[in-house]
Amino acid sequence: MKNNVDFLGTRYKVLGTPKRYNKSMALEEYKRKRRFEATPEPPPEISTKTGHRFVVQKHRASHLHYDFRLELDGVLKSWAVPKGPSLDPADKRLAMQVEDHPVSYFDFEGNIPPDNYGAGSVMVWDVGVWAPLSSTPVDGKYVPTTDDEARQMLAKGDLKFRLAGKRLKGDFALVKMKGRRAGSKGNEWLLIKKHDAYEIADYDIDQYDSSVLSDRSMDEIAGDEASAEWRSRPAGRGKLKAAWLADAVAKLDQKKAAEKAASKTSVGKASSAKGKKPASAKATKSTKPAPTPIGSVDAEKKTKKPRLKSA
């Protein structure tokens, strides 16, 4: 049967995306922040296939955090979780909703170069499948429901769902925070584990510091030059609306690139010149070294360490 999802030994049918759903603007913010003309980063393409995968990516950027993503409507709905998800219902993890990501981002693991949006190392910390749960309990239990109801719950700010991953299992909820604090962007949610057979008191996320795909640690990924790498739009620079400003920035970038290339050339010449021996090297071998001034000898004696007597 199509769109069946196997959850912890039980199979459920999850209904797909209705044709009336408008997805044209889903990846606009993702596209705005990245430069695809010079990078192999996944393009902002919406998947035509219906899926219910989830991924948690450990991201060592300017601040270490975990990116929690749910596949829905051909994209990955995404939240940045500073402390990471927990299996302890007592933990209410802050989750900042960010722009949707393309489904092709699902298994990215590697390094985003410096001076790019989100620069740092990325690890696939957990993967699996998920199913939305009913907003109201049925016979005292929340049961898998449709994508349409999942969208309604997201709009209301209270999404209940079930995970079947390698590390995360059981029922969870994403609840949008109502109170607006000073400086709030209105994208603050809480990721909460529900009470069930998979809860773990005093859960320690740091006990897992390896990729579920490659078994590498964050340090190994960061030091691996062969890791996947992409270049996105430099942090802090969005699309420049004023033409004159865009031209000025482009010229500045060209100037910096030229200076960098010239610097590399001069360093290469200096190193090659240093490696060559002077023509008079043979003649100078037989000559005695010039006498050293007394002042410099005294200075040299001061810098020498005393020799230790052998026992």
C-alpha atoms as a PDB file:
ATOM      1  CA  MET A   1       0.000   0.000   0.000  1.00  0.00           C
ATOM      2  CA  LYS A   2       1.394   3.429  -0.965  1.00  0.00           C
ATOM      3  CA  ASN A   3       2.722   5.849   1.695  1.00  0.00           C
ATOM      4  CA  ASN A   4       2.861   3.150   4.369  1.00  0.00           C
ATOM      5  CA  VAL A   5       5.208   3.943   7.250  1.00  0.00           C
ATOM      6  CA  ASP A   6       6.586   1.297   9.594  1.00  0.00           C
ATOM      7  CA  PHE A   7       6.716   2.628  13.163  1.00  0.00           C
ATOM      8  CA  LEU A   8       8.341   0.503  15.799  1.00  0.00           C
ATOM      9  CA  GLY A   9       6.779  -2.684  14.445  1.00  0.00           C
ATOM     10  CA  THR A  10       3.390  -1.184  13.496  1.00  0.00           C
ATOM     11  CA  ARG A  11       2.438  -0.080   9.980  1.00  0.00           C
ATOM     12  CA  TYR A  12       0.363   3.040   9.389  1.00  0.00           C
ATOM     13  CA  LYS A  13      -0.889   4.772   6.280  1.00  0.00           C
ATOM     14  CA  VAL A  14      -0.074   8.473   6.101  1.00  0.00           C
ATOM     15  CA  LEU A  15      -1.969  10.443   3.482  1.00  0.00           C
ATOM     16  CA  GLY A  16       0.072  12.543   1.070  1.00  0.00           C
ATOM     17  CA  THR A  17      -0.042  16.167  -0.011  1.00  0.00           C
ATOM     18  CA  PRO A  18      -3.314  17.484  -1.533  1.00  0.00           C
ATOM     19  CA  LYS A  19      -2.954  19.118  -4.953  1.00  0.00           C
ATOM     20  CA  ARG A  20      -4.445  22.345  -3.633  1.00  0.00           C
ATOM     21  CA  TYR A  21      -1.436  22.979  -1.371  1.00  0.00           C
ATOM     22  CA  ASN A  22       0.729  25.861  -2.684  1.00  0.00           C
ATOM     23  CA  LYS A  23       4.445  25.116  -2.280  1.00  0.00           C
ATOM     24  CA  SER A  24       5.888  27.708  -4.670  1.00  0.00           C
ATOM     25  CA  MET A  25       7.329  29.929  -1.912  1.00  0.00           C
ATOM     26  CA  ALA A  26       8.625  27.137   0.326  1.00  0.00           C
ATOM     27  CA  LEU A  27      12.343  27.507  -0.521  1.00  0.00           C
ATOM     28  CA  GLU A  28      12.593  31.230  -1.312  1.00  0.00           C
ATOM     29  CA  GLU A  29      14.497  32.053   1.897  1.00  0.00           C
ATOM     30  CA  TYR A  30      16.816  29.070   1.414  1.00  0.00           C
ATOM     31  CA  LYS A  31      17.545  30.287  -2.111  1.00  0.00           C
ATOM     32  CA  ARG A  32      18.139  33.898  -1.001  1.00  0.00           C
ATOM     33  CA  LYS A  33      20.866  32.932   1.450  1.00  0.00           C
ATOM     34  CA  ARG A  34      22.955  30.866  -0.954  1.00  0.00           C
ATOM     35  CA  ARG A  35      24.945  31.219  -4.198  1.00  0.00           C
ATOM     36  CA  PHE A  36      24.269  28.266  -6.455  1.00  0.00           C
ATOM     37  CA  GLU A  37      26.244  29.460  -9.482  1.00  0.00           C
ATOM     38  CA  ALA A  38      29.537  28.541  -7.783  1.00  0.00           C
ATOM     39  CA  THR A  39      28.631  25.662  -5.485  1.00  0.00           C
ATOM     40  CA  PRO A  40      27.453  22.054  -5.520  1.00  0.00           C
ATOM     41  CA  GLU A  41      25.067  22.800  -2.623  1.00  0.00           C
ATOM     42  CA  PRO A  42      21.650  21.226  -3.185  1.00  0.00           C
ATOM     43  CA  PRO A  43      19.501  23.536  -5.334  1.00  0.00           C
ATOM     44  CA  PRO A  44      16.141  24.821  -4.055  1.00  0.00           C
ATOM     45  CA  GLU A  45      14.087  22.097  -5.723  1.00  0.00           C
ATOM     46  CA  ILE A  46      10.870  20.835  -4.148  1.00  0.00           C
ATOM     47  CA  SER A  47      10.550  17.069  -4.228  1.00  0.00           C
ATOM     48  CA  THR A  48       7.544  15.696  -6.127  1.00  0.00           C
ATOM     49  CA  LYS A  49       7.602  12.498  -4.071  1.00  0.00           C
ATOM     50  CA  THR A  50       5.778  12.242  -0.768  1.00  0.00           C
ATOM     51  CA  GLY A  51       7.995  11.166   2.107  1.00  0.00           C
ATOM     52  CA  HIS A  52       8.084  11.171   5.893  1.00  0.00           C
ATOM     53  CA  ARG A  53      11.750  11.048   6.785  1.00  0.00           C
ATOM     54  CA  PHE A  54      13.418  13.039   9.526  1.00  0.00           C
ATOM     55  CA  VAL A  55      17.044  13.959  10.163  1.00  0.00           C
ATOM     56  CA  VAL A  56      18.975  15.562  13.015  1.00  0.00           C
ATOM     57  CA  GLN A  57      22.232  17.202  11.945  1.00  0.00           C
ATOM     58  CA  LYS A  58      24.780  18.260  14.541  1.00  0.00           C
ATOM     59  CA  HIS A  59      26.128  21.592  13.334  1.00  0.00           C
ATOM     60  CA  ARG A  60      29.296  23.156  14.706  1.00  0.00           C
ATOM     61  CA  ALA A  61      28.932  26.692  13.365  1.00  0.00           C
ATOM     62  CA  SER A  62      29.549  29.936  15.296  1.00  0.00           C
ATOM     63  CA  HIS A  63      27.615  28.153  18.060  1.00  0.00           C
ATOM     64  CA  LEU A  64      27.158  24.397  18.363  1.00  0.00           C
ATOM     65  CA  HIS A  65      23.537  23.350  17.793  1.00  0.00           C
ATOM     66  CA  TYR A  66      21.407  20.587  16.279  1.00  0.00           C
ATOM     67  CA  ASP A  67      19.254  21.042  13.165  1.00  0.00           C
ATOM     68  CA  PHE A  68      15.990  19.103  13.473  1.00  0.00           C
ATOM     69  CA  ARG A  69      14.215  18.503  10.140  1.00  0.00           C
ATOM     70  CA  LEU A  70      10.910  16.862   9.196  1.00  0.00           C
ATOM     71  CA  GLU A  71      10.063  15.990   5.593  1.00  0.00           C
ATOM     72  CA  LEU A  72       6.684  17.441   4.611  1.00  0.00           C
ATOM     73  CA  ASP A  73       5.243  18.769   1.356  1.00  0.00           C
ATOM     74  CA  GLY A  74       8.437  18.078  -0.618  1.00  0.00           C
ATOM     75  CA  VAL A  75      10.741  20.060   1.707  1.00  0.00           C
ATOM     76  CA  LEU A  76      12.414  19.689   5.093  1.00  0.00           C
ATOM     77  CA  LYS A  77      10.691  21.760   7.785  1.00  0.00           C
ATOM     78  CA  SER A  78      13.582  22.885   9.964  1.00  0.00           C
ATOM     79  CA  TRP A  79      14.349  24.023  13.513  1.00  0.00           C
ATOM     80  CA  ALA A  80      17.697  24.870  15.126  1.00  0.00           C
ATOM     81  CA  VAL A  81      17.881  23.312  18.600  1.00  0.00           C
ATOM     82  CA  PRO A  82      20.780  24.783  20.655  1.00  0.00           C
ATOM     83  CA  LYS A  83      20.957  21.952  23.224  1.00  0.00           C
ATOM     84  CA  GLY A  84      19.697  19.239  20.896  1.00  0.00           C
ATOM     85  CA  PRO A  85      16.673  16.927  21.296  1.00  0.00           C
ATOM     86  CA  SER A  86      16.161  14.966  24.501  1.00  0.00           C
ATOM     87  CA  LEU A  87      14.430  11.725  25.478  1.00  0.00           C
ATOM     88  CA  ASP A  88      13.666  13.146  28.935  1.00  0.00           C
ATOM     89  CA  PRO A  89      10.106  14.588  29.135  1.00  0.00           C
ATOM     90  CA  ALA A  90      11.355  17.007  31.815  1.00  0.00           C
ATOM     91  CA  ASP A  91      13.515  18.765  29.196  1.00  0.00           C
ATOM     92  CA  LYS A  92      11.849  21.473  27.150  1.00  0.00           C
ATOM     93  CA  ARG A  93      14.338  22.248  24.408  1.00  0.00           C
ATOM     94  CA  LEU A  94      14.263  25.644  22.721  1.00  0.00           C
ATOM     95  CA  ALA A  95      13.868  25.176  18.940  1.00  0.00           C
ATOM     96  CA  MET A  96      14.219  28.154  16.582  1.00  0.00           C
ATOM     97  CA  GLN A  97      12.291  27.631  13.352  1.00  0.00           C
ATOM     98  CA  VAL A  98      14.432  28.438  10.313  1.00  0.00           C
ATOM     99  CA  GLU A  99      13.888  28.363   6.556  1.00  0.00           C
ATOM    100  CA  ASP A 100      12.693  25.187   4.827  1.00  0.00           C
ATOM    101  CA  HIS A 101      15.469  23.121   3.238  1.00  0.00           C
ATOM    102  CA  PRO A 102      15.347  20.919   0.119  1.00  0.00           C
ATOM    103  CA  VAL A 103      14.945  17.186   0.682  1.00  0.00           C
ATOM    104  CA  SER A 104      18.356  16.642  -0.976  1.00  0.00           C
ATOM    105  CA  TYR A 105      19.878  18.273   2.118  1.00  0.00           C
ATOM    106  CA  PHE A 106      18.788  15.191   4.066  1.00  0.00           C
ATOM    107  CA  ASP A 107      22.092  13.283   4.085  1.00  0.00           C
ATOM    108  CA  PHE A 108      24.603  16.136   3.844  1.00  0.00           C
ATOM    109  CA  GLU A 109      27.628  15.636   6.064  1.00  0.00           C
ATOM    110  CA  GLY A 110      30.788  17.701   5.711  1.00  0.00           C
ATOM    111  CA  ASN A 111      32.184  21.220   5.974  1.00  0.00           C
ATOM    112  CA  ILE A 112      30.770  24.588   4.953  1.00  0.00           C
ATOM    113  CA  PRO A 113      33.768  26.889   4.212  1.00  0.00           C
ATOM    114  CA  PRO A 114      34.508  30.051   6.236  1.00  0.00           C
ATOM    115  CA  ASP A 115      32.795  33.340   5.274  1.00  0.00           C
ATOM    116  CA  ASN A 116      29.704  31.425   4.155  1.00  0.00           C
ATOM    117  CA  TYR A 117      26.258  31.239   5.694  1.00  0.00           C
ATOM    118  CA  GLY A 118      26.341  28.531   8.376  1.00  0.00           C
ATOM    119  CA  ALA A 119      30.108  27.999   8.063  1.00  0.00           C
ATOM    120  CA  GLY A 120      31.292  24.993  10.075  1.00  0.00           C
ATOM    121  CA  SER A 121      31.100  21.208  10.257  1.00  0.00           C
ATOM    122  CA  VAL A 122      27.900  19.181   9.856  1.00  0.00           C
ATOM    123  CA  MET A 123      27.272  15.632  11.103  1.00  0.00           C
ATOM    124  CA  VAL A 124      24.236  13.426  10.453  1.00  0.00           C
ATOM    125  CA  TRP A 125      23.430  12.669  14.101  1.00  0.00           C
ATOM    126  CA  ASP A 126      20.192  10.717  13.555  1.00  0.00           C
ATOM    127  CA  VAL A 127      17.879   9.617  10.734  1.00  0.00           C
ATOM    128  CA  GLY A 128      14.570   7.813  10.539  1.00  0.00           C
ATOM    129  CA  VAL A 129      10.904   8.247   9.673  1.00  0.00           C
ATOM    130  CA  TRP A 130       8.130  10.202  11.346  1.00  0.00           C
ATOM    131  CA  ALA A 131       4.341  10.394  11.385  1.00  0.00           C
ATOM    132  CA  PRO A 132       2.039  13.223  12.509  1.00  0.00           C
ATOM    133  CA  LEU A 133      -0.209  12.359  15.439  1.00  0.00           C
ATOM    134  CA  SER A 134      -3.826  13.416  15.939  1.00  0.00           C
ATOM    135  CA  SER A 135      -4.362  16.729  17.698  1.00  0.00           C
ATOM    136  CA  THR A 136      -6.826  15.043  20.068  1.00  0.00           C
ATOM    137  CA  PRO A 137      -6.441  11.583  21.640  1.00  0.00           C
ATOM    138  CA  VAL A 138      -8.442   8.594  20.430  1.00  0.00           C
ATOM    139  CA  ASP A 139      -9.336   6.187  23.262  1.00  0.00           C
ATOM    140  CA  GLY A 140      -6.782   7.982  25.398  1.00  0.00           C
ATOM    141  CA  LYS A 141      -3.971   7.729  22.834  1.00  0.00           C
ATOM    142  CA  TYR A 142      -2.662   9.939  20.043  1.00  0.00           C
ATOM    143  CA  VAL A 143      -2.750   8.070  16.730  1.00  0.00           C
ATOM    144  CA  PRO A 144      -1.117   8.747  13.340  1.00  0.00           C
ATOM    145  CA  THR A 145      -3.061  11.184  11.189  1.00  0.00           C
ATOM    146  CA  THR A 146      -2.871  12.971   7.815  1.00  0.00           C
ATOM    147  CA  ASP A 147      -0.432  15.538   6.445  1.00  0.00           C
ATOM    148  CA  ASP A 148      -3.372  17.929   6.167  1.00  0.00           C
ATOM    149  CA  GLU A 149      -3.905  17.820   9.929  1.00  0.00           C
ATOM    150  CA  ALA A 150      -0.147  18.150  10.441  1.00  0.00           C
ATOM    151  CA  ARG A 151      -0.249  21.439   8.494  1.00  0.00           C
ATOM    152  CA  GLN A 152      -3.133  22.653  10.614  1.00  0.00           C
ATOM    153  CA  MET A 153      -1.236  21.797  13.804  1.00  0.00           C
ATOM    154  CA  LEU A 154       1.859  23.618  12.511  1.00  0.00           C
ATOM    155  CA  ALA A 155      -0.261  26.688  11.769  1.00  0.00           C
ATOM    156  CA  LYS A 156      -1.712  26.569  15.293  1.00  0.00           C
ATOM    157  CA  GLY A 157       1.733  26.059  16.816  1.00  0.00           C
ATOM    158  CA  ASP A 158       1.241  22.593  18.347  1.00  0.00           C
ATOM    159  CA  LEU A 159       2.555  19.697  16.263  1.00  0.00           C
ATOM    160  CA  LYS A 160       2.466  16.209  17.739  1.00  0.00           C
ATOM    161  CA  PHE A 161       4.435  13.460  15.995  1.00  0.00           C
ATOM    162  CA  ARG A 162       6.099  10.083  16.388  1.00  0.00           C
ATOM    163  CA  LEU A 163       9.735   9.306  15.540  1.00  0.00           C
ATOM    164  CA  ALA A 164      11.335   6.002  14.636  1.00  0.00           C
ATOM    165  CA  GLY A 165      15.019   6.794  14.323  1.00  0.00           C
ATOM    166  CA  LYS A 166      18.299   5.166  15.246  1.00  0.00           C
ATOM    167  CA  ARG A 167      18.585   7.286  18.405  1.00  0.00           C
ATOM    168  CA  LEU A 168      15.288   9.121  18.794  1.00  0.00           C
ATOM    169  CA  LYS A 169      12.122   7.070  19.232  1.00  0.00           C
ATOM    170  CA  GLY A 170       8.615   7.634  20.506  1.00  0.00           C
ATOM    171  CA  ASP A 171       6.205  10.576  20.701  1.00  0.00           C
ATOM    172  CA  PHE A 172       7.214  14.241  20.661  1.00  0.00           C
ATOM    173  CA  ALA A 173       5.631  17.673  20.351  1.00  0.00           C
ATOM    174  CA  LEU A 174       6.753  20.980  18.859  1.00  0.00           C
ATOM    175  CA  VAL A 175       4.936  23.798  20.658  1.00  0.00           C
ATOM    176  CA  LYS A 176       5.243  27.409  19.570  1.00  0.00           C
ATOM    177  CA  MET A 177       5.943  29.883  22.361  1.00  0.00           C
ATOM    178  CA  LYS A 178       3.124  32.448  22.645  1.00  0.00           C
ATOM    179  CA  GLY A 179       4.767  35.194  24.690  1.00  0.00           C
ATOM    180  CA  ARG A 180       6.840  37.640  22.639  1.00  0.00           C
ATOM    181  CA  ARG A 181       9.946  38.718  24.499  1.00  0.00           C
ATOM    182  CA  ALA A 182      12.078  41.762  23.697  1.00  0.00           C
ATOM    183  CA  GLY A 183      14.061  41.012  20.548  1.00  0.00           C
ATOM    184  CA  SER A 184      11.955  37.954  19.736  1.00  0.00           C
ATOM    185  CA  LYS A 185      11.541  37.043  16.061  1.00  0.00           C
ATOM    186  CA  GLY A 186       8.420  34.986  16.727  1.00  0.00           C
ATOM    187  CA  ASN A 187      10.087  31.764  15.620  1.00  0.00           C
ATOM    188  CA  GLU A 188      10.659  30.247  19.078  1.00  0.00           C
ATOM    189  CA  TRP A 189       9.261  26.752  19.679  1.00  0.00           C
ATOM    190  CA  LEU A 190       9.799  24.078  22.332  1.00  0.00           C
ATOM    191  CA  LEU A 191      10.732  20.496  21.419  1.00  0.00           C
ATOM    192  CA  ILE A 192       9.298  18.182  24.098  1.00  0.00           C
ATOM    193  CA  LYS A 193       9.440  14.413  24.581  1.00  0.00           C
ATOM    194  CA  LYS A 194       6.126  12.805  25.558  1.00  0.00           C
ATOM    195  CA  HIS A 195       5.848  10.142  28.262  1.00  0.00           C
ATOM    196  CA  ASP A 196       6.098   6.664  26.733  1.00  0.00           C
ATOM    197  CA  ALA A 197       8.215   3.518  26.749  1.00  0.00           C
ATOM    198  CA  TYR A 198      11.128   5.325  25.079  1.00  0.00           C
ATOM    199  CA  GLU A 199      11.686   8.128  27.585  1.00  0.00           C
ATOM    200  CA  ILE A 200      15.023   8.285  29.430  1.00  0.00           C
ATOM    201  CA  ALA A 201      15.433  10.332  32.592  1.00  0.00           C
ATOM    202  CA  ASP A 202      18.482  12.641  32.714  1.00  0.00           C
ATOM    203  CA  TYR A 203      19.162  12.000  29.030  1.00  0.00           C
ATOM    204  CA  ASP A 204      22.698  12.977  27.990  1.00  0.00           C
ATOM    205  CA  ILE A 205      22.975  13.808  24.297  1.00  0.00           C
ATOM    206  CA  ASP A 206      26.773  14.114  24.514  1.00  0.00           C
ATOM    207  CA  GLN A 207      27.106  10.336  24.879  1.00  0.00           C
ATOM    208  CA  TYR A 208      26.573  10.178  21.113  1.00  0.00           C
ATOM    209  CA  ASP A 209      29.346  11.993  19.264  1.00  0.00           C
ATOM    210  CA  SER A 210      29.428   9.994  16.059  1.00  0.00           C
ATOM    211  CA  SER A 211      27.647  10.060  12.723  1.00  0.00           C
ATOM    212  CA  VAL A 212      24.968   7.441  12.106  1.00  0.00           C
ATOM    213  CA  LEU A 213      26.088   7.430   8.450  1.00  0.00           C
ATOM    214  CA  SER A 214      29.893   7.349   8.641  1.00  0.00           C
ATOM    215  CA  ASP A 215      30.617   6.706  12.342  1.00  0.00           C
ATOM    216  CA  ARG A 216      32.957   9.743  12.318  1.00  0.00           C
ATOM    217  CA  SER A 217      33.258  12.259  15.157  1.00  0.00           C
ATOM    218  CA  MET A 218      32.861  16.009  14.658  1.00  0.00           C
ATOM    219  CA  ASP A 219      36.631  16.465  14.843  1.00  0.00           C
ATOM    220  CA  GLU A 220      37.172  13.803  12.197  1.00  0.00           C
ATOM    221  CA  ILE A 221      34.630  15.433   9.887  1.00  0.00           C
ATOM    222  CA  ALA A 222      36.159  18.883  10.461  1.00  0.00           C
ATOM    223  CA  GLY A 223      39.645  17.590   9.632  1.00  0.00           C
ATOM    224  CA  ASP A 224      38.640  15.548   6.596  1.00  0.00           C
ATOM    225  CA  GLU A 225      39.538  17.453   3.438  1.00  0.00           C
ATOM    226  CA  ALA A 226      37.602  14.909   1.369  1.00  0.00           C
ATOM    227  CA  SER A 227      34.324  15.733   3.142  1.00  0.00           C
ATOM    228  CA  ALA A 228      31.530  17.208   1.060  1.00  0.00           C
ATOM    229  CA  GLU A 229      31.892  20.968   0.926  1.00  0.00           C
ATOM    230  CA  TRP A 230      29.677  23.731  -0.419  1.00  0.00           C
ATOM    231  CA  ARG A 231      29.764  27.509  -0.626  1.00  0.00           C
ATOM    232  CA  SER A 232      26.738  29.550   0.294  1.00  0.00           C
ATOM    233  CA  ARG A 233      26.104  33.290   0.429  1.00  0.00           C
ATOM    234  CA  PRO A 234      28.468  35.085   2.864  1.00  0.00           C
ATOM    235  CA  ALA A 235      26.891  35.499   6.306  1.00  0.00           C
ATOM    236  CA  GLY A 236      25.142  38.798   6.833  1.00  0.00           C
ATOM    237  CA  ARG A 237      24.887  39.755   3.142  1.00  0.00           C
ATOM    238  CA  GLY A 238      21.486  39.342   1.570  1.00  0.00           C
ATOM    239  CA  LYS A 239      20.413  40.438  -1.894  1.00  0.00           C
ATOM    240  CA  LEU A 240      21.556  43.991  -2.607  1.00  0.00           C
ATOM    241  CA  LYS A 241      18.584  45.881  -4.010  1.00  0.00           C
ATOM    242  CA  ALA A 242      20.452  49.095  -4.988  1.00  0.00           C
ATOM    243  CA  ALA A 243      22.303  48.595  -8.300  1.00  0.00           C
ATOM    244  CA  TRP A 244      25.114  51.004  -7.397  1.00  0.00           C
ATOM    245  CA  LEU A 245      25.735  49.200  -4.120  1.00  0.00           C
ATOM    246  CA  ALA A 246      25.753  45.812  -5.830  1.00  0.00           C
ATOM    247  CA  ASP A 247      28.331  47.118  -8.351  1.00  0.00           C
ATOM    248  CA  ALA A 248      30.495  48.557  -5.588  1.00  0.00           C
ATOM    249  CA  VAL A 249      30.447  45.311  -3.640  1.00  0.00           C
ATOM    250  CA  ALA A 250      31.242  43.327  -6.801  1.00  0.00           C
ATOM    251  CA  LYS A 251      34.257  45.563  -7.521  1.00  0.00           C
ATOM    252  CA  LEU A 252      35.438  45.215  -3.930  1.00  0.00           C
ATOM    253  CA  ASP A 253      35.172  41.431  -4.155  1.00  0.00           C
ATOM    254  CA  GLN A 254      37.170  41.468  -7.416  1.00  0.00           C
ATOM    255  CA  LYS A 255      39.837  43.662  -5.828  1.00  0.00           C
ATOM    256  CA  LYS A 256      40.146  41.334  -2.829  1.00  0.00           C
ATOM    257  CA  ALA A 257      40.409  38.322  -5.126  1.00  0.00           C
ATOM    258  CA  ALA A 258      43.170  40.021  -7.162  1.00  0.00           C
ATOM    259  CA  GLU A 259      45.093  40.981  -4.020  1.00  0.00           C
ATOM    260  CA  LYS A 260      44.812  37.429  -2.716  1.00  0.00           C
ATOM    261  CA  ALA A 261      46.103  36.009  -6.018  1.00  0.00           C
ATOM    262  CA  ALA A 262      48.992  38.513  -6.078  1.00  0.00           C
ATOM    263  CA  SER A 263      49.900  37.621  -2.504  1.00  0.00           C
ATOM    264  CA  LYS A 264      50.048  33.915  -3.349  1.00  0.00           C
ATOM    265  CA  THR A 265      52.282  34.669  -6.378  1.00  0.00           C
ATOM    266  CA  SER A 266      54.750  36.750  -4.342  1.00  0.00           C
ATOM    267  CA  VAL A 267      54.941  34.078  -1.636  1.00  0.00           C
ATOM    268  CA  GLY A 268      55.654  31.440  -4.286  1.00  0.00           C
ATOM    269  CA  LYS A 269      58.470  33.516  -5.811  1.00  0.00           C
ATOM    270  CA  ALA A 270      60.016  34.178  -2.414  1.00  0.00           C
ATOM    271  CA  SER A 271      60.015  30.490  -1.497  1.00  0.00           C
ATOM    272  CA  SER A 272      61.573  29.479  -4.813  1.00  0.00           C
ATOM    273  CA  ALA A 273      64.295  32.149  -4.489  1.00  0.00           C
ATOM    274  CA  LYS A 274      65.045  30.988  -0.970  1.00  0.00           C
ATOM    275  CA  GLY A 275      65.632  27.440  -2.176  1.00  0.00           C
ATOM    276  CA  LYS A 276      68.342  28.496  -4.671  1.00  0.00           C
ATOM    277  CA  LYS A 277      71.996  28.542  -3.483  1.00  0.00           C
ATOM    278  CA  PRO A 278      74.074  31.634  -4.309  1.00  0.00           C
ATOM    279  CA  ALA A 279      76.713  31.251  -7.019  1.00  0.00           C
ATOM    280  CA  SER A 280      79.526  32.230  -4.630  1.00  0.00           C
ATOM    281  CA  ALA A 281      78.638  29.489  -2.129  1.00  0.00           C
ATOM    282  CA  LYS A 282      81.781  27.440  -2.916  1.00  0.00           C
ATOM    283  CA  ALA A 283      84.084  30.446  -2.618  1.00  0.00           C
ATOM    284  CA  THR A 284      82.717  31.420   0.771  1.00  0.00           C
ATOM    285  CA  LYS A 285      83.258  27.951   2.246  1.00  0.00           C
ATOM    286  CA  SER A 286      87.022  28.465   2.726  1.00  0.00           C
ATOM    287  CA  THR A 287      86.762  31.987   4.080  1.00  0.00           C
ATOM    288  CA  LYS A 288      86.777  32.525   7.822  1.00  0.00           C
ATOM    289  CA  PRO A 289      83.691  33.988   9.431  1.00  0.00           C
ATOM    290  CA  ALA A 290      83.852  37.660  10.368  1.00  0.00           C
ATOM    291  CA  PRO A 291      84.638  38.339  14.035  1.00  0.00           C
ATOM    292  CA  THR A 292      81.565  38.761  16.187  1.00  0.00           C
ATOM    293  CA  PRO A 293      81.240  41.982  18.197  1.00  0.00           C
ATOM    294  CA  ILE A 294      81.726  41.533  21.958  1.00  0.00           C
ATOM    295  CA  GLY A 295      78.281  42.896  22.753  1.00  0.00           C
ATOM    296  CA  SER A 296      76.535  40.263  20.664  1.00  0.00           C
ATOM    297  CA  VAL A 297      78.592  37.460  22.259  1.00  0.00           C
ATOM    298  CA  ASP A 298      77.472  38.583  25.714  1.00  0.00           C
ATOM    299  CA  ALA A 299      73.879  38.634  24.545  1.00  0.00           C
ATOM    300  CA  GLU A 300      74.234  35.133  23.137  1.00  0.00           C
ATOM    301  CA  LYS A 301      75.672  33.817  26.393  1.00  0.00           C
ATOM    302  CA  LYS A 302      72.684  35.153  28.289  1.00  0.00           C
ATOM    303  CA  THR A 303      70.243  33.274  26.086  1.00  0.00           C
ATOM    304  CA  LYS A 304      72.055  29.933  26.349  1.00  0.00           C
ATOM    305  CA  LYS A 305      70.628  27.463  28.857  1.00  0.00           C
ATOM    306  CA  PRO A 306      73.121  25.937  31.399  1.00  0.00           C
ATOM    307  CA  ARG A 307      74.114  22.362  30.641  1.00  0.00           C
ATOM    308  CA  LEU A 308      73.025  19.711  33.097  1.00  0.00           C
ATOM    309  CA  LYS A 309      75.792  17.598  34.556  1.00  0.00           C
ATOM    310  CA  SER A 310      75.442  13.904  33.971  1.00  0.00           C
ATOM    311  CA  ALA A 311      74.838  11.787  37.076  1.00  0.00           C
END
